[in-house]
Amino acid sequence: MSLDLGSNSSNGWTEHGDIAAINGATALTVAFWVACGAAVNAGPINKGKMVFFLMDASRSYWIRETTNYNADSPHIGTAVWQLITSAVDVVPPDILSWNHFALVYDGSLDVSSRMTLYKNTVSLPLVGTGSPQLPQGSDAATTAPTSLIDTSPQTLQYGHSNTSSLVGHFRVWSVALTQGEVAQEMNRYWANRQTSLLMDCPFDDQLAARDYSGNGNHGVWDPVNGTPGQRQGPPIPYGGKVLVLG
């Protein structure tokens, strides 16, 4: 199953708390299934000034750190650094098709490879937003730091602004997953890697948005702008797992 997060609206965005392991992290993986809607945005995923996923009007995938935080518009702000991959790579001809994305960050790697973005397990090129679009690590504006900005006490959010998408199986780990591990997670209903798992939200439980990692990072809906709807989810098998309800 999945959640329908509206049509270019902020219907029912989730907040998953101030997850401490994300603040100042030196390694992180954020993975999710998404099907874009007819409007411009299929996200964003952000925690304060750190934006892990943003799809702008061009439908490029953006990763960025900003100098200021706007709770109502996390995509707005002057960038400290930012990377994108083109809409040609991101959006299929049928925009309602499901795709799996995994953003993998490893601050110990060379400046040219600290951020890796996988779409359906295939690594996509990341470049800056300037002209010309320089590759990752070319200058300060295209270089992720050795540790992410400390975003406490802000909450991890999904779909806060102008969202038009279906979303399912939102997971976060405090380690950098390998390409092989990303492939395993793409094809598992429940998270395969339990070590360092911070959050596993399949969004298959009506509006509960529960975290089944055992860490209690459940999603809380904002009822002001309406509620999302339960929809059919991405094409993955239902694997067995002992659920820990916290």
C-alpha atoms as a PDB file:
ATOM      1  CA  MET A   1       0.000   0.000   0.000  1.00  0.00           C
ATOM      2  CA  SER A   2       0.929   3.683  -0.159  1.00  0.00           C
ATOM      3  CA  LEU A   3      -0.389   7.117   0.676  1.00  0.00           C
ATOM      4  CA  ASP A   4      -1.796   9.628  -1.780  1.00  0.00           C
ATOM      5  CA  LEU A   5      -0.442  12.992  -0.676  1.00  0.00           C
ATOM      6  CA  GLY A   6      -2.681  15.258  -2.697  1.00  0.00           C
ATOM      7  CA  SER A   7      -2.503  17.202  -5.941  1.00  0.00           C
ATOM      8  CA  ASN A   8      -0.047  20.098  -5.694  1.00  0.00           C
ATOM      9  CA  SER A   9      -1.045  20.600  -2.069  1.00  0.00           C
ATOM     10  CA  SER A  10       0.237  19.983   1.443  1.00  0.00           C
ATOM     11  CA  ASN A  11      -2.356  17.361   2.279  1.00  0.00           C
ATOM     12  CA  GLY A  12      -1.339  15.319   5.274  1.00  0.00           C
ATOM     13  CA  TRP A  13       2.414  15.724   5.313  1.00  0.00           C
ATOM     14  CA  THR A  14       4.206  13.691   7.964  1.00  0.00           C
ATOM     15  CA  GLU A  15       6.602  14.677  10.731  1.00  0.00           C
ATOM     16  CA  HIS A  16       8.735  11.880  12.175  1.00  0.00           C
ATOM     17  CA  GLY A  17      10.405  13.716  15.048  1.00  0.00           C
ATOM     18  CA  ASP A  18      13.878  15.049  15.688  1.00  0.00           C
ATOM     19  CA  ILE A  19      15.748  11.818  14.889  1.00  0.00           C
ATOM     20  CA  ALA A  20      19.026  12.391  16.714  1.00  0.00           C
ATOM     21  CA  ALA A  21      21.162  10.146  14.506  1.00  0.00           C
ATOM     22  CA  ILE A  22      20.493  12.403  11.494  1.00  0.00           C
ATOM     23  CA  ASN A  23      21.866  15.512  13.241  1.00  0.00           C
ATOM     24  CA  GLY A  24      25.468  15.957  12.142  1.00  0.00           C
ATOM     25  CA  ALA A  25      25.548  12.473  10.572  1.00  0.00           C
ATOM     26  CA  THR A  26      28.701  11.297   8.811  1.00  0.00           C
ATOM     27  CA  ALA A  27      26.807   8.568   6.950  1.00  0.00           C
ATOM     28  CA  LEU A  28      23.125   8.218   6.048  1.00  0.00           C
ATOM     29  CA  THR A  29      20.776   6.474   3.628  1.00  0.00           C
ATOM     30  CA  VAL A  30      17.276   7.727   2.795  1.00  0.00           C
ATOM     31  CA  ALA A  31      15.170   5.411   0.618  1.00  0.00           C
ATOM     32  CA  PHE A  32      11.569   5.505  -0.584  1.00  0.00           C
ATOM     33  CA  TRP A  33       9.172   4.530  -3.360  1.00  0.00           C
ATOM     34  CA  VAL A  34       7.335   7.355  -5.120  1.00  0.00           C
ATOM     35  CA  ALA A  35       4.929   7.843  -8.007  1.00  0.00           C
ATOM     36  CA  CYS A  36       4.767  11.435  -9.220  1.00  0.00           C
ATOM     37  CA  GLY A  37       1.440  13.144  -9.639  1.00  0.00           C
ATOM     38  CA  ALA A  38       0.285  15.479 -12.391  1.00  0.00           C
ATOM     39  CA  ALA A  39       1.547  18.596 -10.566  1.00  0.00           C
ATOM     40  CA  VAL A  40       5.128  19.643  -9.948  1.00  0.00           C
ATOM     41  CA  ASN A  41       6.289  18.052  -6.717  1.00  0.00           C
ATOM     42  CA  ALA A  42       6.858  14.556  -5.360  1.00  0.00           C
ATOM     43  CA  GLY A  43       8.202  15.473  -1.964  1.00  0.00           C
ATOM     44  CA  PRO A  44      10.071  17.092  -0.380  1.00  0.00           C
ATOM     45  CA  ILE A  45      11.975  15.163   2.282  1.00  0.00           C
ATOM     46  CA  ASN A  46      13.743  17.539   4.635  1.00  0.00           C
ATOM     47  CA  LYS A  47      14.982  18.065   8.166  1.00  0.00           C
ATOM     48  CA  GLY A  48      15.444  21.758   8.862  1.00  0.00           C
ATOM     49  CA  LYS A  49      18.014  23.249   6.498  1.00  0.00           C
ATOM     50  CA  MET A  50      18.926  19.831   5.057  1.00  0.00           C
ATOM     51  CA  VAL A  51      16.817  18.742   2.063  1.00  0.00           C
ATOM     52  CA  PHE A  52      17.258  15.092   1.072  1.00  0.00           C
ATOM     53  CA  PHE A  53      14.728  15.154  -1.753  1.00  0.00           C
ATOM     54  CA  LEU A  54      13.145  17.984  -3.665  1.00  0.00           C
ATOM     55  CA  MET A  55      11.525  17.853  -7.078  1.00  0.00           C
ATOM     56  CA  ASP A  56      11.206  21.321  -8.535  1.00  0.00           C
ATOM     57  CA  ALA A  57       9.075  22.517 -11.459  1.00  0.00           C
ATOM     58  CA  SER A  58      11.560  21.004 -13.917  1.00  0.00           C
ATOM     59  CA  ARG A  59      11.190  17.636 -12.127  1.00  0.00           C
ATOM     60  CA  SER A  60      14.908  17.387 -11.419  1.00  0.00           C
ATOM     61  CA  TYR A  61      15.893  15.665  -8.163  1.00  0.00           C
ATOM     62  CA  TRP A  62      17.555  18.186  -5.811  1.00  0.00           C
ATOM     63  CA  ILE A  63      19.723  17.590  -2.719  1.00  0.00           C
ATOM     64  CA  ARG A  64      20.727  20.708  -0.836  1.00  0.00           C
ATOM     65  CA  GLU A  65      21.694  22.461   2.378  1.00  0.00           C
ATOM     66  CA  THR A  66      20.294  25.965   2.835  1.00  0.00           C
ATOM     67  CA  THR A  67      21.374  28.900   4.956  1.00  0.00           C
ATOM     68  CA  ASN A  68      17.871  29.483   6.293  1.00  0.00           C
ATOM     69  CA  TYR A  69      14.916  27.262   7.202  1.00  0.00           C
ATOM     70  CA  ASN A  70      11.352  27.981   6.143  1.00  0.00           C
ATOM     71  CA  ALA A  71       8.971  25.508   7.785  1.00  0.00           C
ATOM     72  CA  ASP A  72       6.241  26.141   5.210  1.00  0.00           C
ATOM     73  CA  SER A  73       8.549  26.087   2.193  1.00  0.00           C
ATOM     74  CA  PRO A  74      11.642  23.940   2.902  1.00  0.00           C
ATOM     75  CA  HIS A  75      12.691  24.208  -0.731  1.00  0.00           C
ATOM     76  CA  ILE A  76      13.174  27.974  -0.417  1.00  0.00           C
ATOM     77  CA  GLY A  77      16.478  29.416   0.762  1.00  0.00           C
ATOM     78  CA  THR A  78      20.011  30.250  -0.313  1.00  0.00           C
ATOM     79  CA  ALA A  79      22.012  27.083  -0.891  1.00  0.00           C
ATOM     80  CA  VAL A  80      25.254  26.339   0.925  1.00  0.00           C
ATOM     81  CA  TRP A  81      25.712  23.472  -1.526  1.00  0.00           C
ATOM     82  CA  GLN A  82      23.325  21.633  -3.813  1.00  0.00           C
ATOM     83  CA  LEU A  83      23.312  18.813  -6.324  1.00  0.00           C
ATOM     84  CA  ILE A  84      20.744  17.740  -8.897  1.00  0.00           C
ATOM     85  CA  THR A  85      20.123  15.022 -11.429  1.00  0.00           C
ATOM     86  CA  SER A  86      18.199  15.863 -14.557  1.00  0.00           C
ATOM     87  CA  ALA A  87      14.480  15.370 -15.094  1.00  0.00           C
ATOM     88  CA  VAL A  88      15.319  13.186 -18.083  1.00  0.00           C
ATOM     89  CA  ASP A  89      16.898  10.702 -15.685  1.00  0.00           C
ATOM     90  CA  VAL A  90      14.274  11.035 -12.957  1.00  0.00           C
ATOM     91  CA  VAL A  91      10.809  11.132 -14.531  1.00  0.00           C
ATOM     92  CA  PRO A  92       9.543   8.334 -16.805  1.00  0.00           C
ATOM     93  CA  PRO A  93       7.245   9.050 -19.760  1.00  0.00           C
ATOM     94  CA  ASP A  94       4.375   7.782 -17.617  1.00  0.00           C
ATOM     95  CA  ILE A  95       4.707  10.083 -14.616  1.00  0.00           C
ATOM     96  CA  LEU A  96       2.432   7.892 -12.511  1.00  0.00           C
ATOM     97  CA  SER A  97       4.884   4.985 -12.672  1.00  0.00           C
ATOM     98  CA  TRP A  98       6.436   3.849  -9.381  1.00  0.00           C
ATOM     99  CA  ASN A  99      10.172   4.399  -8.918  1.00  0.00           C
ATOM    100  CA  HIS A 100      12.488   3.624  -6.022  1.00  0.00           C
ATOM    101  CA  PHE A 101      15.026   6.246  -4.944  1.00  0.00           C
ATOM    102  CA  ALA A 102      17.872   5.840  -2.466  1.00  0.00           C
ATOM    103  CA  LEU A 103      20.101   8.740  -1.461  1.00  0.00           C
ATOM    104  CA  VAL A 104      23.332   7.455   0.079  1.00  0.00           C
ATOM    105  CA  TYR A 105      25.700   9.811   1.904  1.00  0.00           C
ATOM    106  CA  ASP A 106      29.201   8.892   3.092  1.00  0.00           C
ATOM    107  CA  GLY A 107      31.226  11.827   4.413  1.00  0.00           C
ATOM    108  CA  SER A 108      34.424   9.773   4.517  1.00  0.00           C
ATOM    109  CA  LEU A 109      34.587   9.491   0.725  1.00  0.00           C
ATOM    110  CA  ASP A 110      36.251  11.808  -1.763  1.00  0.00           C
ATOM    111  CA  VAL A 111      34.444  15.099  -2.518  1.00  0.00           C
ATOM    112  CA  SER A 112      33.412  13.712  -5.918  1.00  0.00           C
ATOM    113  CA  SER A 113      31.427  10.795  -4.485  1.00  0.00           C
ATOM    114  CA  ARG A 114      30.062  11.661  -1.039  1.00  0.00           C
ATOM    115  CA  MET A 115      26.494  11.693  -2.356  1.00  0.00           C
ATOM    116  CA  THR A 116      25.153   8.837  -4.480  1.00  0.00           C
ATOM    117  CA  LEU A 117      21.635   8.782  -5.863  1.00  0.00           C
ATOM    118  CA  TYR A 118      20.077   5.534  -7.050  1.00  0.00           C
ATOM    119  CA  LYS A 119      16.932   5.262  -9.134  1.00  0.00           C
ATOM    120  CA  ASN A 120      15.753   1.654  -9.265  1.00  0.00           C
ATOM    121  CA  THR A 121      19.295   0.646  -8.128  1.00  0.00           C
ATOM    122  CA  VAL A 122      21.014   2.536 -10.986  1.00  0.00           C
ATOM    123  CA  SER A 123      23.384   5.332  -9.950  1.00  0.00           C
ATOM    124  CA  LEU A 124      22.504   8.705 -11.489  1.00  0.00           C
ATOM    125  CA  PRO A 125      24.982  11.530 -12.221  1.00  0.00           C
ATOM    126  CA  LEU A 126      24.913  14.467  -9.792  1.00  0.00           C
ATOM    127  CA  VAL A 127      25.908  17.992 -10.815  1.00  0.00           C
ATOM    128  CA  GLY A 128      25.589  21.513  -9.487  1.00  0.00           C
ATOM    129  CA  THR A 129      22.893  23.967 -10.509  1.00  0.00           C
ATOM    130  CA  GLY A 130      25.192  26.644 -11.907  1.00  0.00           C
ATOM    131  CA  SER A 131      26.092  27.300 -15.522  1.00  0.00           C
ATOM    132  CA  PRO A 132      27.912  25.226 -16.519  1.00  0.00           C
ATOM    133  CA  GLN A 133      26.592  22.396 -14.344  1.00  0.00           C
ATOM    134  CA  LEU A 134      29.777  21.194 -12.684  1.00  0.00           C
ATOM    135  CA  PRO A 135      30.145  17.610 -11.409  1.00  0.00           C
ATOM    136  CA  GLN A 136      29.927  16.831  -7.692  1.00  0.00           C
ATOM    137  CA  GLY A 137      32.998  18.024  -5.784  1.00  0.00           C
ATOM    138  CA  SER A 138      34.103  20.575  -8.377  1.00  0.00           C
ATOM    139  CA  ASP A 139      33.768  23.526  -5.997  1.00  0.00           C
ATOM    140  CA  ALA A 140      32.245  24.475  -2.642  1.00  0.00           C
ATOM    141  CA  ALA A 141      28.773  24.852  -4.182  1.00  0.00           C
ATOM    142  CA  THR A 142      28.816  21.231  -5.382  1.00  0.00           C
ATOM    143  CA  THR A 143      30.510  19.592  -2.380  1.00  0.00           C
ATOM    144  CA  ALA A 144      28.736  17.851   0.481  1.00  0.00           C
ATOM    145  CA  PRO A 145      30.621  18.216   3.801  1.00  0.00           C
ATOM    146  CA  THR A 146      32.321  15.457   5.786  1.00  0.00           C
ATOM    147  CA  SER A 147      29.377  15.601   8.209  1.00  0.00           C
ATOM    148  CA  LEU A 148      25.869  16.888   7.600  1.00  0.00           C
ATOM    149  CA  ILE A 149      24.649  20.057   9.263  1.00  0.00           C
ATOM    150  CA  ASP A 150      23.188  19.569  12.750  1.00  0.00           C
ATOM    151  CA  THR A 151      19.462  20.060  12.120  1.00  0.00           C
ATOM    152  CA  SER A 152      18.221  19.661  15.706  1.00  0.00           C
ATOM    153  CA  PRO A 153      15.577  20.342  16.957  1.00  0.00           C
ATOM    154  CA  GLN A 154      13.785  20.276  13.588  1.00  0.00           C
ATOM    155  CA  THR A 155      11.736  17.229  12.602  1.00  0.00           C
ATOM    156  CA  LEU A 156      12.198  14.883   9.655  1.00  0.00           C
ATOM    157  CA  GLN A 157       9.345  15.699   7.279  1.00  0.00           C
ATOM    158  CA  TYR A 158       7.842  14.252   4.126  1.00  0.00           C
ATOM    159  CA  GLY A 159       5.620  16.167   1.706  1.00  0.00           C
ATOM    160  CA  HIS A 160       5.450  19.515   3.482  1.00  0.00           C
ATOM    161  CA  SER A 161       5.075  21.732   0.409  1.00  0.00           C
ATOM    162  CA  ASN A 162       3.184  21.538  -2.918  1.00  0.00           C
ATOM    163  CA  THR A 163       3.093  17.761  -2.966  1.00  0.00           C
ATOM    164  CA  SER A 164       1.563  15.654  -5.712  1.00  0.00           C
ATOM    165  CA  SER A 165       2.573  12.028  -5.340  1.00  0.00           C
ATOM    166  CA  LEU A 166       2.048   8.587  -3.931  1.00  0.00           C
ATOM    167  CA  VAL A 167       4.669   7.482  -1.418  1.00  0.00           C
ATOM    168  CA  GLY A 168       5.486   4.161   0.201  1.00  0.00           C
ATOM    169  CA  HIS A 169       8.210   2.400   2.178  1.00  0.00           C
ATOM    170  CA  PHE A 170      10.068   5.433   3.548  1.00  0.00           C
ATOM    171  CA  ARG A 171      13.235   4.174   5.281  1.00  0.00           C
ATOM    172  CA  VAL A 172      16.289   5.755   6.869  1.00  0.00           C
ATOM    173  CA  TRP A 173      19.565   4.196   8.056  1.00  0.00           C
ATOM    174  CA  SER A 174      22.502   5.783   9.873  1.00  0.00           C
ATOM    175  CA  VAL A 175      24.959   4.088   7.498  1.00  0.00           C
ATOM    176  CA  ALA A 176      25.789   4.287   3.807  1.00  0.00           C
ATOM    177  CA  LEU A 177      24.174   1.326   2.084  1.00  0.00           C
ATOM    178  CA  THR A 178      25.984  -0.395  -0.771  1.00  0.00           C
ATOM    179  CA  GLN A 179      24.405  -0.689  -4.199  1.00  0.00           C
ATOM    180  CA  GLY A 180      23.681  -4.349  -3.464  1.00  0.00           C
ATOM    181  CA  GLU A 181      21.935  -3.439  -0.221  1.00  0.00           C
ATOM    182  CA  VAL A 182      19.888  -0.790  -2.010  1.00  0.00           C
ATOM    183  CA  ALA A 183      18.749  -3.484  -4.460  1.00  0.00           C
ATOM    184  CA  GLN A 184      17.687  -5.704  -1.562  1.00  0.00           C
ATOM    185  CA  GLU A 185      15.713  -2.885   0.044  1.00  0.00           C
ATOM    186  CA  MET A 186      14.012  -1.955  -3.199  1.00  0.00           C
ATOM    187  CA  ASN A 187      12.535  -5.437  -3.421  1.00  0.00           C
ATOM    188  CA  ARG A 188      11.571  -5.947   0.242  1.00  0.00           C
ATOM    189  CA  TYR A 189       8.246  -4.992   1.796  1.00  0.00           C
ATOM    190  CA  TRP A 190       9.958  -4.790   5.204  1.00  0.00           C
ATOM    191  CA  ALA A 191      13.481  -3.457   5.651  1.00  0.00           C
ATOM    192  CA  ASN A 192      16.058  -6.169   5.000  1.00  0.00           C
ATOM    193  CA  ARG A 193      18.899  -4.502   6.920  1.00  0.00           C
ATOM    194  CA  GLN A 194      17.937  -4.076  10.554  1.00  0.00           C
ATOM    195  CA  THR A 195      21.342  -2.894  11.791  1.00  0.00           C
ATOM    196  CA  SER A 196      21.476   0.924  11.969  1.00  0.00           C
ATOM    197  CA  LEU A 197      17.858   1.143  10.757  1.00  0.00           C
ATOM    198  CA  LEU A 198      16.340   4.377  12.091  1.00  0.00           C
ATOM    199  CA  MET A 199      12.908   4.270  10.490  1.00  0.00           C
ATOM    200  CA  ASP A 200      10.788   1.915   8.370  1.00  0.00           C
ATOM    201  CA  CYS A 201       7.427   3.435   7.386  1.00  0.00           C
ATOM    202  CA  PRO A 202       5.582   1.454   4.697  1.00  0.00           C
ATOM    203  CA  PHE A 203       2.563   3.825   4.896  1.00  0.00           C
ATOM    204  CA  ASP A 204       0.275   0.798   4.639  1.00  0.00           C
ATOM    205  CA  ASP A 205      -1.659   1.304   7.890  1.00  0.00           C
ATOM    206  CA  GLN A 206      -4.330   3.817   6.914  1.00  0.00           C
ATOM    207  CA  LEU A 207      -3.242   7.125   8.478  1.00  0.00           C
ATOM    208  CA  ALA A 208      -1.105   5.756  11.311  1.00  0.00           C
ATOM    209  CA  ALA A 209       2.206   6.209   9.419  1.00  0.00           C
ATOM    210  CA  ARG A 210       3.849   3.903  11.923  1.00  0.00           C
ATOM    211  CA  ASP A 211       7.576   3.255  12.100  1.00  0.00           C
ATOM    212  CA  TYR A 212       8.175  -0.503  12.220  1.00  0.00           C
ATOM    213  CA  SER A 213      11.907  -0.289  12.986  1.00  0.00           C
ATOM    214  CA  GLY A 214      11.192  -0.406  16.712  1.00  0.00           C
ATOM    215  CA  ASN A 215      12.546   3.122  17.248  1.00  0.00           C
ATOM    216  CA  GLY A 216       9.175   4.815  17.563  1.00  0.00           C
ATOM    217  CA  ASN A 217       9.736   7.382  14.826  1.00  0.00           C
ATOM    218  CA  HIS A 218       6.083   7.299  13.802  1.00  0.00           C
ATOM    219  CA  GLY A 219       4.674   9.912  11.448  1.00  0.00           C
ATOM    220  CA  VAL A 220       2.279  12.566  12.716  1.00  0.00           C
ATOM    221  CA  TRP A 221      -0.154  14.089  10.228  1.00  0.00           C
ATOM    222  CA  ASP A 222      -1.028  17.747  10.042  1.00  0.00           C
ATOM    223  CA  PRO A 223      -4.858  17.754   9.798  1.00  0.00           C
ATOM    224  CA  VAL A 224      -5.108  21.440   8.851  1.00  0.00           C
ATOM    225  CA  ASN A 225      -4.750  20.854   5.109  1.00  0.00           C
ATOM    226  CA  GLY A 226      -6.793  17.668   4.943  1.00  0.00           C
ATOM    227  CA  THR A 227      -5.837  14.022   5.108  1.00  0.00           C
ATOM    228  CA  PRO A 228      -4.196  11.729   2.555  1.00  0.00           C
ATOM    229  CA  GLY A 229      -5.809   8.644   1.095  1.00  0.00           C
ATOM    230  CA  GLN A 230      -4.707   5.004   1.127  1.00  0.00           C
ATOM    231  CA  ARG A 231      -3.783   3.751  -2.346  1.00  0.00           C
ATOM    232  CA  GLN A 232      -2.229   0.743  -4.032  1.00  0.00           C
ATOM    233  CA  GLY A 233       1.503   0.601  -3.354  1.00  0.00           C
ATOM    234  CA  PRO A 234       4.641  -0.142  -5.389  1.00  0.00           C
ATOM    235  CA  PRO A 235       5.234  -3.539  -7.053  1.00  0.00           C
ATOM    236  CA  ILE A 236       7.242  -5.315  -4.349  1.00  0.00           C
ATOM    237  CA  PRO A 237       6.737  -8.727  -2.683  1.00  0.00           C
ATOM    238  CA  TYR A 238       5.509  -9.095   0.872  1.00  0.00           C
ATOM    239  CA  GLY A 239       8.494 -10.486   2.820  1.00  0.00           C
ATOM    240  CA  GLY A 240       8.311 -11.903   6.309  1.00  0.00           C
ATOM    241  CA  LYS A 241       9.466  -9.944   9.336  1.00  0.00           C
ATOM    242  CA  VAL A 242       8.762  -9.939  13.041  1.00  0.00           C
ATOM    243  CA  LEU A 243       7.168  -6.579  13.765  1.00  0.00           C
ATOM    244  CA  VAL A 244       8.167  -4.652  16.864  1.00  0.00           C
ATOM    245  CA  LEU A 245       5.471  -2.170  17.821  1.00  0.00           C
ATOM    246  CA  GLY A 246       6.693   0.692  19.976  1.00  0.00           C
END
